[in-house]
Amino acid sequence: MGFILDLTETLKTPAGVVGLLVIIGVVTLLLKWVFAPHPDDEQ
């Protein structure tokens, strides 16, 4: 529970917001890469 409270306090700072946006961007890119069709796949 303490970790969640620390995380919400961090998100209230500008650095926390930037960090959150970076994490969201990385997760989005990872998901796009994972679900992209492979060039060797037959279509």
PDB file of N, CA and C in Angstrom:
ATOM      1  N   MET A   1       0.833  -1.197   0.000  1.00  0.00           N
ATOM      2  CA  MET A   1       0.000   0.000   0.000  1.00  0.00           C
ATOM      3  C   MET A   1       0.868   1.247   0.000  1.00  0.00           C
ATOM      4  N   GLY A   2       1.977   1.193   0.728  1.00  0.00           N
ATOM      5  CA  GLY A   2       2.882   2.343   0.790  1.00  0.00           C
ATOM      6  C   GLY A   2       3.443   2.689  -0.580  1.00  0.00           C
ATOM      7  N   PHE A   3       3.710   1.655  -1.389  1.00  0.00           N
ATOM      8  CA  PHE A   3       4.252   1.885  -2.725  1.00  0.00           C
ATOM      9  C   PHE A   3       3.263   2.675  -3.580  1.00  0.00           C
ATOM     10  N   ILE A   4       1.979   2.323  -3.461  1.00  0.00           N
ATOM     11  CA  ILE A   4       0.952   3.009  -4.257  1.00  0.00           C
ATOM     12  C   ILE A   4       0.838   4.469  -3.829  1.00  0.00           C
ATOM     13  N   LEU A   5       0.894   4.713  -2.526  1.00  0.00           N
ATOM     14  CA  LEU A   5       0.814   6.086  -2.034  1.00  0.00           C
ATOM     15  C   LEU A   5       2.020   6.902  -2.489  1.00  0.00           C
ATOM     16  N   ASP A   6       3.205   6.299  -2.451  1.00  0.00           N
ATOM     17  CA  ASP A   6       4.407   6.992  -2.939  1.00  0.00           C
ATOM     18  C   ASP A   6       4.270   7.291  -4.428  1.00  0.00           C
ATOM     19  N   LEU A   7       3.725   6.357  -5.176  1.00  0.00           N
ATOM     20  CA  LEU A   7       3.568   6.538  -6.617  1.00  0.00           C
ATOM     21  C   LEU A   7       2.602   7.681  -6.920  1.00  0.00           C
ATOM     22  N   THR A   8       1.503   7.751  -6.200  1.00  0.00           N
ATOM     23  CA  THR A   8       0.549   8.831  -6.453  1.00  0.00           C
ATOM     24  C   THR A   8       1.134  10.182  -6.062  1.00  0.00           C
ATOM     25  N   GLU A   9       1.945  10.216  -5.027  1.00  0.00           N
ATOM     26  CA  GLU A   9       2.605  11.477  -4.641  1.00  0.00           C
ATOM     27  C   GLU A   9       3.607  11.893  -5.719  1.00  0.00           C
ATOM     28  N   THR A  10       4.320  10.930  -6.288  1.00  0.00           N
ATOM     29  CA  THR A  10       5.300  11.223  -7.338  1.00  0.00           C
ATOM     30  C   THR A  10       4.609  11.756  -8.587  1.00  0.00           C
ATOM     31  N   LEU A  11       3.425  11.237  -8.889  1.00  0.00           N
ATOM     32  CA  LEU A  11       2.704  11.655 -10.098  1.00  0.00           C
ATOM     33  C   LEU A  11       2.218  13.095  -9.994  1.00  0.00           C
ATOM     34  N   LYS A  12       2.187  13.645  -8.787  1.00  0.00           N
ATOM     35  CA  LYS A  12       1.747  15.034  -8.620  1.00  0.00           C
ATOM     36  C   LYS A  12       2.848  16.023  -8.986  1.00  0.00           C
ATOM     37  N   THR A  13       4.077  15.545  -9.181  1.00  0.00           N
ATOM     38  CA  THR A  13       5.189  16.421  -9.552  1.00  0.00           C
ATOM     39  C   THR A  13       5.352  16.403 -11.068  1.00  0.00           C
ATOM     40  N   PRO A  14       5.926  17.468 -11.641  1.00  0.00           N
ATOM     41  CA  PRO A  14       6.145  17.469 -13.107  1.00  0.00           C
ATOM     42  C   PRO A  14       7.010  16.301 -13.572  1.00  0.00           C
ATOM     43  N   ALA A  15       8.033  15.960 -12.805  1.00  0.00           N
ATOM     44  CA  ALA A  15       8.892  14.839 -13.194  1.00  0.00           C
ATOM     45  C   ALA A  15       8.108  13.527 -13.196  1.00  0.00           C
ATOM     46  N   GLY A  16       7.177  13.385 -12.265  1.00  0.00           N
ATOM     47  CA  GLY A  16       6.361  12.177 -12.220  1.00  0.00           C
ATOM     48  C   GLY A  16       5.461  12.055 -13.432  1.00  0.00           C
ATOM     49  N   VAL A  17       4.923  13.189 -13.868  1.00  0.00           N
ATOM     50  CA  VAL A  17       4.052  13.184 -15.049  1.00  0.00           C
ATOM     51  C   VAL A  17       4.862  12.827 -16.294  1.00  0.00           C
ATOM     52  N   VAL A  18       6.050  13.407 -16.415  1.00  0.00           N
ATOM     53  CA  VAL A  18       6.915  13.096 -17.561  1.00  0.00           C
ATOM     54  C   VAL A  18       7.289  11.616 -17.541  1.00  0.00           C
ATOM     55  N   GLY A  19       7.614  11.107 -16.370  1.00  0.00           N
ATOM     56  CA  GLY A  19       7.952   9.688 -16.250  1.00  0.00           C
ATOM     57  C   GLY A  19       6.792   8.802 -16.656  1.00  0.00           C
ATOM     58  N   LEU A  20       5.588   9.181 -16.250  1.00  0.00           N
ATOM     59  CA  LEU A  20       4.407   8.410 -16.619  1.00  0.00           C
ATOM     60  C   LEU A  20       4.213   8.399 -18.134  1.00  0.00           C
ATOM     61  N   LEU A  21       4.390   9.561 -18.773  1.00  0.00           N
ATOM     62  CA  LEU A  21       4.234   9.638 -20.231  1.00  0.00           C
ATOM     63  C   LEU A  21       5.289   8.791 -20.938  1.00  0.00           C
ATOM     64  N   VAL A  22       6.506   8.788 -20.421  1.00  0.00           N
ATOM     65  CA  VAL A  22       7.570   7.968 -21.019  1.00  0.00           C
ATOM     66  C   VAL A  22       7.220   6.489 -20.902  1.00  0.00           C
ATOM     67  N   ILE A  23       6.731   6.084 -19.736  1.00  0.00           N
ATOM     68  CA  ILE A  23       6.365   4.676 -19.535  1.00  0.00           C
ATOM     69  C   ILE A  23       5.231   4.277 -20.474  1.00  0.00           C
ATOM     70  N   ILE A  24       4.226   5.149 -20.608  1.00  0.00           N
ATOM     71  CA  ILE A  24       3.109   4.862 -21.522  1.00  0.00           C
ATOM     72  C   ILE A  24       3.621   4.729 -22.960  1.00  0.00           C
ATOM     73  N   GLY A  25       4.546   5.605 -23.367  1.00  0.00           N
ATOM     74  CA  GLY A  25       5.117   5.536 -24.716  1.00  0.00           C
ATOM     75  C   GLY A  25       5.866   4.241 -24.953  1.00  0.00           C
ATOM     76  N   VAL A  26       6.661   3.838 -23.978  1.00  0.00           N
ATOM     77  CA  VAL A  26       7.442   2.600 -24.119  1.00  0.00           C
ATOM     78  C   VAL A  26       6.515   1.394 -24.204  1.00  0.00           C
ATOM     79  N   VAL A  27       5.488   1.355 -23.365  1.00  0.00           N
ATOM     80  CA  VAL A  27       4.543   0.231 -23.398  1.00  0.00           C
ATOM     81  C   VAL A  27       3.809   0.190 -24.738  1.00  0.00           C
ATOM     82  N   THR A  28       3.429   1.364 -25.258  1.00  0.00           N
ATOM     83  CA  THR A  28       2.737   1.419 -26.544  1.00  0.00           C
ATOM     84  C   THR A  28       3.624   0.883 -27.666  1.00  0.00           C
ATOM     85  N   LEU A  29       4.882   1.321 -27.689  1.00  0.00           N
ATOM     86  CA  LEU A  29       5.804   0.839 -28.718  1.00  0.00           C
ATOM     87  C   LEU A  29       6.030  -0.664 -28.595  1.00  0.00           C
ATOM     88  N   LEU A  30       6.150  -1.154 -27.369  1.00  0.00           N
ATOM     89  CA  LEU A  30       6.357  -2.584 -27.158  1.00  0.00           C
ATOM     90  C   LEU A  30       5.159  -3.383 -27.667  1.00  0.00           C
ATOM     91  N   LEU A  31       3.950  -2.908 -27.366  1.00  0.00           N
ATOM     92  CA  LEU A  31       2.763  -3.619 -27.833  1.00  0.00           C
ATOM     93  C   LEU A  31       2.657  -3.593 -29.355  1.00  0.00           C
ATOM     94  N   LYS A  32       2.981  -2.447 -29.977  1.00  0.00           N
ATOM     95  CA  LYS A  32       2.945  -2.374 -31.448  1.00  0.00           C
ATOM     96  C   LYS A  32       3.950  -3.354 -32.049  1.00  0.00           C
ATOM     97  N   TRP A  33       5.140  -3.462 -31.421  1.00  0.00           N
ATOM     98  CA  TRP A  33       6.176  -4.348 -31.928  1.00  0.00           C
ATOM     99  C   TRP A  33       5.752  -5.807 -31.769  1.00  0.00           C
ATOM    100  N   VAL A  34       5.144  -6.131 -30.634  1.00  0.00           N
ATOM    101  CA  VAL A  34       4.748  -7.518 -30.368  1.00  0.00           C
ATOM    102  C   VAL A  34       3.643  -7.960 -31.327  1.00  0.00           C
ATOM    103  N   PHE A  35       2.676  -7.066 -31.596  1.00  0.00           N
ATOM    104  CA  PHE A  35       1.531  -7.458 -32.409  1.00  0.00           C
ATOM    105  C   PHE A  35       1.692  -7.143 -33.891  1.00  0.00           C
ATOM    106  N   ALA A  36       2.858  -6.628 -34.306  1.00  0.00           N
ATOM    107  CA  ALA A  36       3.084  -6.339 -35.727  1.00  0.00           C
ATOM    108  C   ALA A  36       3.207  -7.652 -36.494  1.00  0.00           C
ATOM    109  N   PRO A  37       2.696  -7.688 -37.718  1.00  0.00           N
ATOM    110  CA  PRO A  37       2.837  -8.907 -38.515  1.00  0.00           C
ATOM    111  C   PRO A  37       4.309  -9.140 -38.883  1.00  0.00           C
ATOM    112  N   HIS A  38       4.733 -10.358 -38.799  1.00  0.00           N
ATOM    113  CA  HIS A  38       6.114 -10.699 -39.105  1.00  0.00           C
ATOM    114  C   HIS A  38       6.296 -10.785 -40.622  1.00  0.00           C
ATOM    115  N   PRO A  39       7.414 -10.263 -41.136  1.00  0.00           N
ATOM    116  CA  PRO A  39       7.608 -10.269 -42.601  1.00  0.00           C
ATOM    117  C   PRO A  39       7.612 -11.679 -43.212  1.00  0.00           C
ATOM    118  N   ASP A  40       8.036 -12.681 -42.438  1.00  0.00           N
ATOM    119  CA  ASP A  40       8.110 -14.043 -42.974  1.00  0.00           C
ATOM    120  C   ASP A  40       6.783 -14.789 -42.890  1.00  0.00           C
ATOM    121  N   ASP A  41       5.792 -14.181 -42.240  1.00  0.00           N
ATOM    122  CA  ASP A  41       4.494 -14.856 -42.124  1.00  0.00           C
ATOM    123  C   ASP A  41       3.816 -14.922 -43.492  1.00  0.00           C
ATOM    124  N   GLU A  42       3.153 -16.043 -43.736  1.00  0.00           N
ATOM    125  CA  GLU A  42       2.395 -16.161 -44.982  1.00  0.00           C
ATOM    126  C   GLU A  42       1.078 -15.417 -44.824  1.00  0.00           C
ATOM    127  N   GLN A  43       0.671 -14.746 -45.897  1.00  0.00           N
ATOM    128  CA  GLN A  43      -0.569 -13.995 -45.811  1.00  0.00           C
ATOM    129  C   GLN A  43      -1.579 -14.524 -46.808  1.00  0.00           C
TER     130      GLN A  43
END
